[in-house]
Amino acid sequence: MKEKVFIKADEVAETLGISKPYAYKLVKTMNDELKEKGFITISGKVSCRYFEEKFYGLGGDERACI
């Protein structure tokens, strides 16, 4: 199975059990943080790796966003 690179805001909402508008706000916040670090971002999506790091403290080989 191919590993996902990005997670969409609606998937964030479903994963965290929150509303879609709040999920979009969280994705925007995470993308703004990544932009400050010099990364290119995609509106409405965020890096799976960054999402997992922010919400689950995962890093390295641990994956929840497959």
C-alpha atoms as a PDB file:
ATOM      1  CA  MET A   1       0.000   0.000   0.000  1.00  0.00           C
ATOM      2  CA  LYS A   2       1.295   3.444  -0.905  1.00  0.00           C
ATOM      3  CA  GLU A   3       1.931   5.734   2.049  1.00  0.00           C
ATOM      4  CA  LYS A   4      -0.057   8.992   2.078  1.00  0.00           C
ATOM      5  CA  VAL A   5       1.912  12.222   1.973  1.00  0.00           C
ATOM      6  CA  PHE A   6      -0.939  14.611   2.806  1.00  0.00           C
ATOM      7  CA  ILE A   7      -4.088  14.446   4.906  1.00  0.00           C
ATOM      8  CA  LYS A   8      -7.125  16.510   3.899  1.00  0.00           C
ATOM      9  CA  ALA A   9      -9.010  18.743   6.307  1.00  0.00           C
ATOM     10  CA  ASP A  10     -12.109  16.529   6.152  1.00  0.00           C
ATOM     11  CA  GLU A  11      -9.948  13.535   7.107  1.00  0.00           C
ATOM     12  CA  VAL A  12      -8.514  15.557   9.997  1.00  0.00           C
ATOM     13  CA  ALA A  13     -12.086  16.277  11.149  1.00  0.00           C
ATOM     14  CA  GLU A  14     -12.999  12.595  11.008  1.00  0.00           C
ATOM     15  CA  THR A  15      -9.784  11.434  12.695  1.00  0.00           C
ATOM     16  CA  LEU A  16     -10.036  13.908  15.566  1.00  0.00           C
ATOM     17  CA  GLY A  17     -13.835  13.864  15.860  1.00  0.00           C
ATOM     18  CA  ILE A  18     -14.173  17.601  15.268  1.00  0.00           C
ATOM     19  CA  SER A  19     -16.185  19.798  12.898  1.00  0.00           C
ATOM     20  CA  LYS A  20     -14.943  20.407   9.357  1.00  0.00           C
ATOM     21  CA  PRO A  21     -14.661  24.198   9.842  1.00  0.00           C
ATOM     22  CA  TYR A  22     -12.445  23.672  12.902  1.00  0.00           C
ATOM     23  CA  ALA A  23     -10.378  21.081  11.020  1.00  0.00           C
ATOM     24  CA  TYR A  24      -9.780  23.621   8.223  1.00  0.00           C
ATOM     25  CA  LYS A  25      -8.659  26.135  10.856  1.00  0.00           C
ATOM     26  CA  LEU A  26      -6.205  23.595  12.320  1.00  0.00           C
ATOM     27  CA  VAL A  27      -4.868  22.725   8.857  1.00  0.00           C
ATOM     28  CA  LYS A  28      -4.375  26.422   8.096  1.00  0.00           C
ATOM     29  CA  THR A  29      -2.531  26.906  11.396  1.00  0.00           C
ATOM     30  CA  MET A  30      -0.245  23.942  10.706  1.00  0.00           C
ATOM     31  CA  ASN A  31       0.382  25.160   7.139  1.00  0.00           C
ATOM     32  CA  ASP A  32       1.225  28.640   8.447  1.00  0.00           C
ATOM     33  CA  GLU A  33       3.763  27.069  10.828  1.00  0.00           C
ATOM     34  CA  LEU A  34       5.282  25.092   7.959  1.00  0.00           C
ATOM     35  CA  LYS A  35       5.439  28.220   5.753  1.00  0.00           C
ATOM     36  CA  GLU A  36       7.372  30.016   8.499  1.00  0.00           C
ATOM     37  CA  LYS A  37       9.888  27.167   8.369  1.00  0.00           C
ATOM     38  CA  GLY A  38      10.230  27.631   4.599  1.00  0.00           C
ATOM     39  CA  PHE A  39       8.083  24.741   3.363  1.00  0.00           C
ATOM     40  CA  ILE A  40       5.656  24.910   0.451  1.00  0.00           C
ATOM     41  CA  THR A  41       2.090  24.045   1.506  1.00  0.00           C
ATOM     42  CA  ILE A  42      -1.182  23.078  -0.166  1.00  0.00           C
ATOM     43  CA  SER A  43      -4.390  24.754   0.964  1.00  0.00           C
ATOM     44  CA  GLY A  44      -6.806  22.342   2.661  1.00  0.00           C
ATOM     45  CA  LYS A  45      -4.147  19.659   3.131  1.00  0.00           C
ATOM     46  CA  VAL A  46      -1.266  19.201   5.518  1.00  0.00           C
ATOM     47  CA  SER A  47       1.691  16.863   5.615  1.00  0.00           C
ATOM     48  CA  CYS A  48       0.733  13.577   7.293  1.00  0.00           C
ATOM     49  CA  ARG A  49       4.060  13.508   9.065  1.00  0.00           C
ATOM     50  CA  TYR A  50       3.567  17.008  10.513  1.00  0.00           C
ATOM     51  CA  PHE A  51      -0.030  16.232  11.522  1.00  0.00           C
ATOM     52  CA  GLU A  52       1.073  13.067  13.319  1.00  0.00           C
ATOM     53  CA  GLU A  53       3.919  14.897  15.038  1.00  0.00           C
ATOM     54  CA  LYS A  54       1.630  17.707  16.253  1.00  0.00           C
ATOM     55  CA  PHE A  55      -1.263  15.544  17.477  1.00  0.00           C
ATOM     56  CA  TYR A  56       0.232  12.201  18.383  1.00  0.00           C
ATOM     57  CA  GLY A  57       3.869  13.026  19.092  1.00  0.00           C
ATOM     58  CA  LEU A  58       4.869  10.474  16.468  1.00  0.00           C
ATOM     59  CA  GLY A  59       8.128  10.610  14.651  1.00  0.00           C
ATOM     60  CA  GLY A  60      10.406   8.299  12.730  1.00  0.00           C
ATOM     61  CA  ASP A  61       8.812   5.018  11.619  1.00  0.00           C
ATOM     62  CA  GLU A  62       5.571   5.335  13.588  1.00  0.00           C
ATOM     63  CA  ARG A  63       2.660   6.103  11.253  1.00  0.00           C
ATOM     64  CA  ALA A  64      -1.032   6.710  11.836  1.00  0.00           C
ATOM     65  CA  CYS A  65      -1.790   8.357   8.483  1.00  0.00           C
ATOM     66  CA  ILE A  66      -1.412   5.406   6.116  1.00  0.00           C
END
